[in-house]
Amino acid sequence: MKLSARNQIAARVVAINAGEAIANVELDADGVRLVASITVEAVRDLGLREGSEVTAVIKASDVILGVAG
């Protein structure tokens, strides 16, 4: 898979919590927890299961940080 996006993170699916239309797919990226919200149809089309190896591709125009105080 070749993509122009630079933020590609290898991860493993650890849980899939599916609702009626949207599924939250919990990932373990070398000890870092990521959650992707995708359609239930996409979960089915990609054949995702716990233990599936995936690449998380992050495309965001802004990253906002905050600190307490």
PDB file of N, CA and C in Angstrom:
ATOM      1  N   MET A   1       0.846  -1.163   0.000  1.00  0.00           N
ATOM      2  CA  MET A   1       0.000   0.000   0.000  1.00  0.00           C
ATOM      3  C   MET A   1       0.899   1.236   0.000  1.00  0.00           C
ATOM      4  N   LYS A   2       0.749   2.077  -1.002  1.00  0.00           N
ATOM      5  CA  LYS A   2       1.489   3.328  -1.064  1.00  0.00           C
ATOM      6  C   LYS A   2       0.510   4.475  -0.918  1.00  0.00           C
ATOM      7  N   LEU A   3       0.835   5.376  -0.001  1.00  0.00           N
ATOM      8  CA  LEU A   3       0.014   6.562   0.249  1.00  0.00           C
ATOM      9  C   LEU A   3       0.921   7.773   0.366  1.00  0.00           C
ATOM     10  N   SER A   4       0.374   8.932   0.075  1.00  0.00           N
ATOM     11  CA  SER A   4       1.156  10.156   0.229  1.00  0.00           C
ATOM     12  C   SER A   4       1.194  10.628   1.678  1.00  0.00           C
ATOM     13  N   ALA A   5       0.281  10.134   2.503  1.00  0.00           N
ATOM     14  CA  ALA A   5       0.237  10.549   3.917  1.00  0.00           C
ATOM     15  C   ALA A   5       1.502  10.093   4.632  1.00  0.00           C
ATOM     16  N   ARG A   6       2.066  10.970   5.408  1.00  0.00           N
ATOM     17  CA  ARG A   6       3.299  10.651   6.124  1.00  0.00           C
ATOM     18  C   ARG A   6       3.042   9.976   7.459  1.00  0.00           C
ATOM     19  N   ASN A   7       1.909  10.244   8.057  1.00  0.00           N
ATOM     20  CA  ASN A   7       1.614   9.725   9.389  1.00  0.00           C
ATOM     21  C   ASN A   7       0.962   8.354   9.301  1.00  0.00           C
ATOM     22  N   GLN A   8       1.782   7.335   9.083  1.00  0.00           N
ATOM     23  CA  GLN A   8       1.320   5.960   8.990  1.00  0.00           C
ATOM     24  C   GLN A   8       1.905   5.186  10.173  1.00  0.00           C
ATOM     25  N   ILE A   9       1.017   4.542  10.935  1.00  0.00           N
ATOM     26  CA  ILE A   9       1.439   3.863  12.154  1.00  0.00           C
ATOM     27  C   ILE A   9       0.989   2.404  12.097  1.00  0.00           C
ATOM     28  N   ALA A  10       1.932   1.493  12.185  1.00  0.00           N
ATOM     29  CA  ALA A  10       1.603   0.069  12.241  1.00  0.00           C
ATOM     30  C   ALA A  10       0.962  -0.228  13.582  1.00  0.00           C
ATOM     31  N   ALA A  11      -0.125  -1.026  13.557  1.00  0.00           N
ATOM     32  CA  ALA A  11      -0.843  -1.328  14.789  1.00  0.00           C
ATOM     33  C   ALA A  11      -1.540  -2.676  14.668  1.00  0.00           C
ATOM     34  N   ARG A  12      -2.033  -3.158  15.811  1.00  0.00           N
ATOM     35  CA  ARG A  12      -2.803  -4.400  15.873  1.00  0.00           C
ATOM     36  C   ARG A  12      -4.166  -4.076  16.476  1.00  0.00           C
ATOM     37  N   VAL A  13      -5.222  -4.639  15.904  1.00  0.00           N
ATOM     38  CA  VAL A  13      -6.571  -4.453  16.431  1.00  0.00           C
ATOM     39  C   VAL A  13      -6.694  -5.243  17.728  1.00  0.00           C
ATOM     40  N   VAL A  14      -7.105  -4.563  18.809  1.00  0.00           N
ATOM     41  CA  VAL A  14      -7.282  -5.253  20.091  1.00  0.00           C
ATOM     42  C   VAL A  14      -8.747  -5.364  20.483  1.00  0.00           C
ATOM     43  N   ALA A  15      -9.616  -4.524  19.903  1.00  0.00           N
ATOM     44  CA  ALA A  15     -11.045  -4.615  20.202  1.00  0.00           C
ATOM     45  C   ALA A  15     -11.831  -3.882  19.131  1.00  0.00           C
ATOM     46  N   ILE A  16     -13.039  -4.364  18.886  1.00  0.00           N
ATOM     47  CA  ILE A  16     -13.961  -3.701  17.971  1.00  0.00           C
ATOM     48  C   ILE A  16     -15.290  -3.569  18.687  1.00  0.00           C
ATOM     49  N   ASN A  17     -15.734  -2.334  18.894  1.00  0.00           N
ATOM     50  CA  ASN A  17     -17.003  -2.050  19.550  1.00  0.00           C
ATOM     51  C   ASN A  17     -17.935  -1.451  18.514  1.00  0.00           C
ATOM     52  N   ALA A  18     -18.818  -2.297  17.973  1.00  0.00           N
ATOM     53  CA  ALA A  18     -19.674  -1.875  16.865  1.00  0.00           C
ATOM     54  C   ALA A  18     -21.042  -1.429  17.366  1.00  0.00           C
ATOM     55  N   GLY A  19     -21.489  -0.290  16.843  1.00  0.00           N
ATOM     56  CA  GLY A  19     -22.846   0.177  17.048  1.00  0.00           C
ATOM     57  C   GLY A  19     -23.652  -0.171  15.817  1.00  0.00           C
ATOM     58  N   GLU A  20     -24.736   0.557  15.583  1.00  0.00           N
ATOM     59  CA  GLU A  20     -25.556   0.277  14.400  1.00  0.00           C
ATOM     60  C   GLU A  20     -24.856   0.681  13.112  1.00  0.00           C
ATOM     61  N   ALA A  21     -24.175   1.841  13.132  1.00  0.00           N
ATOM     62  CA  ALA A  21     -23.539   2.337  11.907  1.00  0.00           C
ATOM     63  C   ALA A  21     -22.038   2.543  12.050  1.00  0.00           C
ATOM     64  N   ILE A  22     -21.586   2.892  13.250  1.00  0.00           N
ATOM     65  CA  ILE A  22     -20.179   3.230  13.487  1.00  0.00           C
ATOM     66  C   ILE A  22     -19.557   2.223  14.443  1.00  0.00           C
ATOM     67  N   ALA A  23     -18.311   1.868  14.171  1.00  0.00           N
ATOM     68  CA  ALA A  23     -17.549   0.985  15.059  1.00  0.00           C
ATOM     69  C   ALA A  23     -16.312   1.722  15.548  1.00  0.00           C
ATOM     70  N   ASN A  24     -16.029   1.592  16.822  1.00  0.00           N
ATOM     71  CA  ASN A  24     -14.776   2.089  17.370  1.00  0.00           C
ATOM     72  C   ASN A  24     -13.803   0.920  17.379  1.00  0.00           C
ATOM     73  N   VAL A  25     -12.728   1.068  16.624  1.00  0.00           N
ATOM     74  CA  VAL A  25     -11.726   0.023  16.501  1.00  0.00           C
ATOM     75  C   VAL A  25     -10.532   0.435  17.342  1.00  0.00           C
ATOM     76  N   GLU A  26     -10.287  -0.314  18.416  1.00  0.00           N
ATOM     77  CA  GLU A  26      -9.190   0.002  19.328  1.00  0.00           C
ATOM     78  C   GLU A  26      -7.922  -0.672  18.828  1.00  0.00           C
ATOM     79  N   LEU A  27      -6.841   0.110  18.755  1.00  0.00           N
ATOM     80  CA  LEU A  27      -5.569  -0.361  18.215  1.00  0.00           C
ATOM     81  C   LEU A  27      -4.469  -0.270  19.259  1.00  0.00           C
ATOM     82  N   ASP A  28      -3.502  -1.166  19.163  1.00  0.00           N
ATOM     83  CA  ASP A  28      -2.280  -1.093  19.955  1.00  0.00           C
ATOM     84  C   ASP A  28      -1.138  -0.845  18.982  1.00  0.00           C
ATOM     85  N   ALA A  29      -0.547   0.328  19.098  1.00  0.00           N
ATOM     86  CA  ALA A  29       0.575   0.715  18.240  1.00  0.00           C
ATOM     87  C   ALA A  29       1.836   0.736  19.093  1.00  0.00           C
ATOM     88  N   ASP A  30       2.417  -0.441  19.298  1.00  0.00           N
ATOM     89  CA  ASP A  30       3.635  -0.564  20.098  1.00  0.00           C
ATOM     90  C   ASP A  30       3.466   0.058  21.477  1.00  0.00           C
ATOM     91  N   GLY A  31       2.341  -0.280  22.125  1.00  0.00           N
ATOM     92  CA  GLY A  31       2.080   0.205  23.475  1.00  0.00           C
ATOM     93  C   GLY A  31       1.274   1.488  23.547  1.00  0.00           C
ATOM     94  N   VAL A  32       1.024   2.117  22.422  1.00  0.00           N
ATOM     95  CA  VAL A  32       0.216   3.335  22.372  1.00  0.00           C
ATOM     96  C   VAL A  32      -1.187   2.955  21.906  1.00  0.00           C
ATOM     97  N   ARG A  33      -2.195   3.398  22.652  1.00  0.00           N
ATOM     98  CA  ARG A  33      -3.587   3.081  22.309  1.00  0.00           C
ATOM     99  C   ARG A  33      -4.130   4.127  21.349  1.00  0.00           C
ATOM    100  N   LEU A  34      -4.673   3.656  20.234  1.00  0.00           N
ATOM    101  CA  LEU A  34      -5.347   4.515  19.267  1.00  0.00           C
ATOM    102  C   LEU A  34      -6.747   3.963  19.071  1.00  0.00           C
ATOM    103  N   VAL A  35      -7.703   4.834  18.774  1.00  0.00           N
ATOM    104  CA  VAL A  35      -9.059   4.397  18.459  1.00  0.00           C
ATOM    105  C   VAL A  35      -9.475   5.047  17.157  1.00  0.00           C
ATOM    106  N   ALA A  36      -9.909   4.219  16.215  1.00  0.00           N
ATOM    107  CA  ALA A  36     -10.405   4.710  14.935  1.00  0.00           C
ATOM    108  C   ALA A  36     -11.916   4.498  14.899  1.00  0.00           C
ATOM    109  N   SER A  37     -12.665   5.533  14.544  1.00  0.00           N
ATOM    110  CA  SER A  37     -14.105   5.416  14.360  1.00  0.00           C
ATOM    111  C   SER A  37     -14.373   5.280  12.871  1.00  0.00           C
ATOM    112  N   ILE A  38     -14.837   4.106  12.476  1.00  0.00           N
ATOM    113  CA  ILE A  38     -15.115   3.828  11.064  1.00  0.00           C
ATOM    114  C   ILE A  38     -16.495   3.176  10.960  1.00  0.00           C
ATOM    115  N   THR A  39     -17.004   3.082   9.760  1.00  0.00           N
ATOM    116  CA  THR A  39     -18.316   2.467   9.601  1.00  0.00           C
ATOM    117  C   THR A  39     -18.241   0.958   9.848  1.00  0.00           C
ATOM    118  N   VAL A  40     -19.358   0.406  10.289  1.00  0.00           N
ATOM    119  CA  VAL A  40     -19.458  -1.041  10.478  1.00  0.00           C
ATOM    120  C   VAL A  40     -19.234  -1.731   9.133  1.00  0.00           C
ATOM    121  N   GLU A  41     -19.711  -1.124   8.070  1.00  0.00           N
ATOM    122  CA  GLU A  41     -19.506  -1.674   6.729  1.00  0.00           C
ATOM    123  C   GLU A  41     -18.012  -1.762   6.397  1.00  0.00           C
ATOM    124  N   ALA A  42     -17.230  -0.736   6.779  1.00  0.00           N
ATOM    125  CA  ALA A  42     -15.785  -0.746   6.519  1.00  0.00           C
ATOM    126  C   ALA A  42     -15.103  -1.854   7.314  1.00  0.00           C
ATOM    127  N   VAL A  43     -15.538  -2.073   8.556  1.00  0.00           N
ATOM    128  CA  VAL A  43     -14.981  -3.171   9.356  1.00  0.00           C
ATOM    129  C   VAL A  43     -15.189  -4.488   8.623  1.00  0.00           C
ATOM    130  N   ARG A  44     -16.396  -4.670   8.118  1.00  0.00           N
ATOM    131  CA  ARG A  44     -16.750  -5.899   7.393  1.00  0.00           C
ATOM    132  C   ARG A  44     -15.955  -6.011   6.083  1.00  0.00           C
ATOM    133  N   ASP A  45     -15.912  -4.916   5.307  1.00  0.00           N
ATOM    134  CA  ASP A  45     -15.206  -4.926   4.020  1.00  0.00           C
ATOM    135  C   ASP A  45     -13.713  -5.194   4.177  1.00  0.00           C
ATOM    136  N   LEU A  46     -13.115  -4.662   5.248  1.00  0.00           N
ATOM    137  CA  LEU A  46     -11.677  -4.861   5.489  1.00  0.00           C
ATOM    138  C   LEU A  46     -11.381  -6.201   6.160  1.00  0.00           C
ATOM    139  N   GLY A  47     -12.428  -6.881   6.611  1.00  0.00           N
ATOM    140  CA  GLY A  47     -12.228  -8.165   7.286  1.00  0.00           C
ATOM    141  C   GLY A  47     -11.533  -8.022   8.621  1.00  0.00           C
ATOM    142  N   LEU A  48     -11.771  -6.905   9.321  1.00  0.00           N
ATOM    143  CA  LEU A  48     -11.087  -6.656  10.589  1.00  0.00           C
ATOM    144  C   LEU A  48     -11.581  -7.585  11.683  1.00  0.00           C
ATOM    145  N   ARG A  49     -10.639  -8.066  12.474  1.00  0.00           N
ATOM    146  CA  ARG A  49     -10.900  -8.921  13.630  1.00  0.00           C
ATOM    147  C   ARG A  49      -9.858  -8.569  14.692  1.00  0.00           C
ATOM    148  N   GLU A  50     -10.119  -8.965  15.930  1.00  0.00           N
ATOM    149  CA  GLU A  50      -9.088  -8.807  16.957  1.00  0.00           C
ATOM    150  C   GLU A  50      -7.846  -9.550  16.490  1.00  0.00           C
ATOM    151  N   GLY A  51      -6.701  -8.892  16.581  1.00  0.00           N
ATOM    152  CA  GLY A  51      -5.440  -9.481  16.138  1.00  0.00           C
ATOM    153  C   GLY A  51      -5.039  -9.077  14.730  1.00  0.00           C
ATOM    154  N   SER A  52      -5.958  -8.458  13.963  1.00  0.00           N
ATOM    155  CA  SER A  52      -5.613  -8.011  12.606  1.00  0.00           C
ATOM    156  C   SER A  52      -4.492  -6.985  12.661  1.00  0.00           C
ATOM    157  N   GLU A  53      -3.542  -7.124  11.745  1.00  0.00           N
ATOM    158  CA  GLU A  53      -2.471  -6.138  11.598  1.00  0.00           C
ATOM    159  C   GLU A  53      -2.959  -5.082  10.617  1.00  0.00           C
ATOM    160  N   VAL A  54      -2.866  -3.819  11.012  1.00  0.00           N
ATOM    161  CA  VAL A  54      -3.355  -2.718  10.188  1.00  0.00           C
ATOM    162  C   VAL A  54      -2.334  -1.590  10.165  1.00  0.00           C
ATOM    163  N   THR A  55      -2.568  -0.633   9.292  1.00  0.00           N
ATOM    164  CA  THR A  55      -1.810   0.608   9.289  1.00  0.00           C
ATOM    165  C   THR A  55      -2.791   1.738   9.539  1.00  0.00           C
ATOM    166  N   ALA A  56      -2.573   2.478  10.613  1.00  0.00           N
ATOM    167  CA  ALA A  56      -3.398   3.646  10.910  1.00  0.00           C
ATOM    168  C   ALA A  56      -2.806   4.818  10.138  1.00  0.00           C
ATOM    169  N   VAL A  57      -3.616   5.450   9.320  1.00  0.00           N
ATOM    170  CA  VAL A  57      -3.177   6.605   8.544  1.00  0.00           C
ATOM    171  C   VAL A  57      -3.882   7.821   9.122  1.00  0.00           C
ATOM    172  N   ILE A  58      -3.092   8.755   9.629  1.00  0.00           N
ATOM    173  CA  ILE A  58      -3.653   9.923  10.305  1.00  0.00           C
ATOM    174  C   ILE A  58      -3.478  11.134   9.418  1.00  0.00           C
ATOM    175  N   LYS A  59      -4.588  11.748   9.067  1.00  0.00           N
ATOM    176  CA  LYS A  59      -4.581  12.946   8.230  1.00  0.00           C
ATOM    177  C   LYS A  59      -5.351  14.020   8.981  1.00  0.00           C
ATOM    178  N   ALA A  60      -4.647  15.014   9.443  1.00  0.00           N
ATOM    179  CA  ALA A  60      -5.295  16.107  10.187  1.00  0.00           C
ATOM    180  C   ALA A  60      -4.636  17.408   9.801  1.00  0.00           C
ATOM    181  N   SER A  61      -5.440  18.416   9.613  1.00  0.00           N
ATOM    182  CA  SER A  61      -4.872  19.727   9.284  1.00  0.00           C
ATOM    183  C   SER A  61      -4.411  20.465  10.526  1.00  0.00           C
ATOM    184  N   ASP A  62      -4.959  20.112  11.696  1.00  0.00           N
ATOM    185  CA  ASP A  62      -4.586  20.776  12.937  1.00  0.00           C
ATOM    186  C   ASP A  62      -4.455  19.768  14.063  1.00  0.00           C
ATOM    187  N   VAL A  63      -3.511  19.995  14.931  1.00  0.00           N
ATOM    188  CA  VAL A  63      -3.397  19.254  16.181  1.00  0.00           C
ATOM    189  C   VAL A  63      -3.376  20.301  17.278  1.00  0.00           C
ATOM    190  N   ILE A  64      -4.330  20.205  18.185  1.00  0.00           N
ATOM    191  CA  ILE A  64      -4.469  21.201  19.248  1.00  0.00           C
ATOM    192  C   ILE A  64      -4.041  20.568  20.569  1.00  0.00           C
ATOM    193  N   LEU A  65      -3.166  21.237  21.290  1.00  0.00           N
ATOM    194  CA  LEU A  65      -2.682  20.770  22.578  1.00  0.00           C
ATOM    195  C   LEU A  65      -3.144  21.716  23.680  1.00  0.00           C
ATOM    196  N   GLY A  66      -3.324  21.179  24.863  1.00  0.00           N
ATOM    197  CA  GLY A  66      -3.695  22.000  26.019  1.00  0.00           C
ATOM    198  C   GLY A  66      -2.936  21.552  27.231  1.00  0.00           C
ATOM    199  N   VAL A  67      -2.792  22.446  28.182  1.00  0.00           N
ATOM    200  CA  VAL A  67      -2.157  22.118  29.457  1.00  0.00           C
ATOM    201  C   VAL A  67      -3.049  22.631  30.587  1.00  0.00           C
ATOM    202  N   ALA A  68      -2.971  21.959  31.713  1.00  0.00           N
ATOM    203  CA  ALA A  68      -3.760  22.379  32.870  1.00  0.00           C
ATOM    204  C   ALA A  68      -3.154  23.647  33.465  1.00  0.00           C
ATOM    205  N   GLY A  69      -4.019  24.470  33.983  1.00  0.00           N
ATOM    206  CA  GLY A  69      -3.538  25.638  34.716  1.00  0.00           C
ATOM    207  C   GLY A  69      -3.644  26.848  33.966  1.00  0.00           C
TER     208      GLY A  69
END
